[in-house]
Amino acid sequence: MKIYMDVCCLCRPFDDQMMGRIRLEVTAVQEIIRRCATKEFTLVTSEVITEELEKIPDIRKRLRVEKIASVAKELGVTQNASAYKDLVMSNRNIFVKYT
């Protein structure tokens, strides 16, 4: 199974987990990454992910998120990163939701 997770998903493990919903989402993201690391799933990345990762101002957080993103083994749409980002942003409801 191929999975695309945007930067918000990749950053979720570093969010405040005081709320139950956030803890649940963190658990889901960690499980997906674990399955990608064991090759049960394939994490797909894109130029958009790279661009958004570069914009994370906290260097420690950026390095941690980049480490998670490094599990990705397949590059998705790269021809037109801007158009792809627009597609993702306008169709967020079709991507994996954890609640």
C-alpha atoms as a PDB file:
ATOM      1  CA  MET A   1       0.000   0.000   0.000  1.00  0.00           C
ATOM      2  CA  LYS A   2       1.303   3.438  -0.908  1.00  0.00           C
ATOM      3  CA  ILE A   3       0.762   6.233   1.565  1.00  0.00           C
ATOM      4  CA  TYR A   4       1.271   9.965   1.178  1.00  0.00           C
ATOM      5  CA  MET A   5       1.521  11.928   4.415  1.00  0.00           C
ATOM      6  CA  ASP A   6       1.775  15.691   4.301  1.00  0.00           C
ATOM      7  CA  VAL A   7       4.132  17.625   6.556  1.00  0.00           C
ATOM      8  CA  CYS A   8       1.368  18.192   9.120  1.00  0.00           C
ATOM      9  CA  CYS A   9       1.139  14.410   9.556  1.00  0.00           C
ATOM     10  CA  LEU A  10       4.910  14.029   9.708  1.00  0.00           C
ATOM     11  CA  CYS A  11       5.095  16.752  12.383  1.00  0.00           C
ATOM     12  CA  ARG A  12       2.260  15.318  14.489  1.00  0.00           C
ATOM     13  CA  PRO A  13       4.523  13.202  16.784  1.00  0.00           C
ATOM     14  CA  PHE A  14       6.108  16.453  18.016  1.00  0.00           C
ATOM     15  CA  ASP A  15       2.840  18.180  18.938  1.00  0.00           C
ATOM     16  CA  ASP A  16       1.509  18.571  22.488  1.00  0.00           C
ATOM     17  CA  GLN A  17      -0.258  15.314  23.307  1.00  0.00           C
ATOM     18  CA  MET A  18      -2.406  16.575  26.191  1.00  0.00           C
ATOM     19  CA  MET A  19      -5.563  16.105  24.098  1.00  0.00           C
ATOM     20  CA  GLY A  20      -6.718  12.540  23.505  1.00  0.00           C
ATOM     21  CA  ARG A  21      -7.308  13.143  19.804  1.00  0.00           C
ATOM     22  CA  ILE A  22      -3.721  14.325  19.322  1.00  0.00           C
ATOM     23  CA  ARG A  23      -2.368  11.251  21.161  1.00  0.00           C
ATOM     24  CA  LEU A  24      -4.484   9.040  18.903  1.00  0.00           C
ATOM     25  CA  GLU A  25      -3.160  10.780  15.798  1.00  0.00           C
ATOM     26  CA  VAL A  26       0.424  10.460  17.062  1.00  0.00           C
ATOM     27  CA  THR A  27      -0.100   6.733  17.586  1.00  0.00           C
ATOM     28  CA  ALA A  28      -1.534   6.388  14.076  1.00  0.00           C
ATOM     29  CA  VAL A  29       1.362   8.272  12.477  1.00  0.00           C
ATOM     30  CA  GLN A  30       3.906   6.219  14.411  1.00  0.00           C
ATOM     31  CA  GLU A  31       2.236   2.976  13.345  1.00  0.00           C
ATOM     32  CA  ILE A  32       2.172   4.036   9.696  1.00  0.00           C
ATOM     33  CA  ILE A  33       5.853   5.021   9.814  1.00  0.00           C
ATOM     34  CA  ARG A  34       6.704   1.717  11.511  1.00  0.00           C
ATOM     35  CA  ARG A  35       4.921  -0.184   8.761  1.00  0.00           C
ATOM     36  CA  CYS A  36       6.717   1.861   6.122  1.00  0.00           C
ATOM     37  CA  ALA A  37      10.059   1.141   7.781  1.00  0.00           C
ATOM     38  CA  THR A  38       9.305  -2.605   7.674  1.00  0.00           C
ATOM     39  CA  LYS A  39       8.220  -2.280   4.016  1.00  0.00           C
ATOM     40  CA  GLU A  40       4.648  -3.332   4.735  1.00  0.00           C
ATOM     41  CA  PHE A  41       3.616   0.084   3.350  1.00  0.00           C
ATOM     42  CA  THR A  42       5.434   2.460   1.013  1.00  0.00           C
ATOM     43  CA  LEU A  43       5.696   6.072   2.101  1.00  0.00           C
ATOM     44  CA  VAL A  44       5.544   8.324  -0.948  1.00  0.00           C
ATOM     45  CA  THR A  45       7.197  11.727  -0.872  1.00  0.00           C
ATOM     46  CA  SER A  46       7.243  14.724  -3.190  1.00  0.00           C
ATOM     47  CA  GLU A  47       9.019  17.977  -3.923  1.00  0.00           C
ATOM     48  CA  VAL A  48       6.268  19.682  -1.932  1.00  0.00           C
ATOM     49  CA  ILE A  49       7.309  17.758   1.183  1.00  0.00           C
ATOM     50  CA  THR A  50      10.922  18.828   0.661  1.00  0.00           C
ATOM     51  CA  GLU A  51       9.897  22.466   0.214  1.00  0.00           C
ATOM     52  CA  GLU A  52       7.683  22.448   3.300  1.00  0.00           C
ATOM     53  CA  LEU A  53      10.308  20.715   5.448  1.00  0.00           C
ATOM     54  CA  GLU A  54      12.787  23.459   4.583  1.00  0.00           C
ATOM     55  CA  LYS A  55      10.334  26.015   6.001  1.00  0.00           C
ATOM     56  CA  ILE A  56      10.191  24.508   9.503  1.00  0.00           C
ATOM     57  CA  PRO A  57      11.911  27.236  11.556  1.00  0.00           C
ATOM     58  CA  ASP A  58      12.929  25.051  14.524  1.00  0.00           C
ATOM     59  CA  ILE A  59      16.075  23.275  13.318  1.00  0.00           C
ATOM     60  CA  ARG A  60      15.826  20.436  15.869  1.00  0.00           C
ATOM     61  CA  LYS A  61      12.224  19.753  14.891  1.00  0.00           C
ATOM     62  CA  ARG A  62      13.089  19.976  11.186  1.00  0.00           C
ATOM     63  CA  LEU A  63      15.876  17.405  11.575  1.00  0.00           C
ATOM     64  CA  ARG A  64      13.555  15.058  13.467  1.00  0.00           C
ATOM     65  CA  VAL A  65      10.801  15.379  10.871  1.00  0.00           C
ATOM     66  CA  GLU A  66      13.334  14.900   8.053  1.00  0.00           C
ATOM     67  CA  LYS A  67      14.425  11.678   9.754  1.00  0.00           C
ATOM     68  CA  ILE A  68      10.816  10.453   9.746  1.00  0.00           C
ATOM     69  CA  ALA A  69      10.400  11.534   6.111  1.00  0.00           C
ATOM     70  CA  SER A  70      13.580   9.656   5.163  1.00  0.00           C
ATOM     71  CA  VAL A  71      11.570   6.427   5.460  1.00  0.00           C
ATOM     72  CA  ALA A  72       9.974   7.407   2.131  1.00  0.00           C
ATOM     73  CA  LYS A  73      11.199   5.171  -0.666  1.00  0.00           C
ATOM     74  CA  GLU A  74       9.240   6.487  -3.589  1.00  0.00           C
ATOM     75  CA  LEU A  75       8.979   9.913  -5.147  1.00  0.00           C
ATOM     76  CA  GLY A  76       5.470  10.892  -6.138  1.00  0.00           C
ATOM     77  CA  VAL A  77       4.482  13.644  -8.551  1.00  0.00           C
ATOM     78  CA  THR A  78       7.491  15.840  -9.279  1.00  0.00           C
ATOM     79  CA  GLN A  79       6.743  17.485 -12.615  1.00  0.00           C
ATOM     80  CA  ASN A  80       4.698  20.315 -11.177  1.00  0.00           C
ATOM     81  CA  ALA A  81       5.104  20.558  -7.427  1.00  0.00           C
ATOM     82  CA  SER A  82       2.984  23.695  -7.184  1.00  0.00           C
ATOM     83  CA  ALA A  83       0.012  22.114  -8.951  1.00  0.00           C
ATOM     84  CA  TYR A  84       0.390  18.982  -6.829  1.00  0.00           C
ATOM     85  CA  LYS A  85       0.411  21.035  -3.631  1.00  0.00           C
ATOM     86  CA  ASP A  86      -2.755  22.832  -4.776  1.00  0.00           C
ATOM     87  CA  LEU A  87      -4.381  19.464  -5.464  1.00  0.00           C
ATOM     88  CA  VAL A  88      -3.464  18.135  -2.035  1.00  0.00           C
ATOM     89  CA  MET A  89      -4.629  21.291  -0.274  1.00  0.00           C
ATOM     90  CA  SER A  90      -7.969  21.333  -2.087  1.00  0.00           C
ATOM     91  CA  ASN A  91      -8.607  17.601  -1.558  1.00  0.00           C
ATOM     92  CA  ARG A  92      -7.384  17.016   1.977  1.00  0.00           C
ATOM     93  CA  ASN A  93     -10.464  14.967   2.770  1.00  0.00           C
ATOM     94  CA  ILE A  94      -9.325  12.194   0.396  1.00  0.00           C
ATOM     95  CA  PHE A  95      -6.087  11.657   2.289  1.00  0.00           C
ATOM     96  CA  VAL A  96      -5.799   9.464   5.348  1.00  0.00           C
ATOM     97  CA  LYS A  97      -7.541  10.895   8.396  1.00  0.00           C
ATOM     98  CA  TYR A  98      -6.914   9.531  11.840  1.00  0.00           C
ATOM     99  CA  THR A  99     -10.089  10.581  13.651  1.00  0.00           C
END
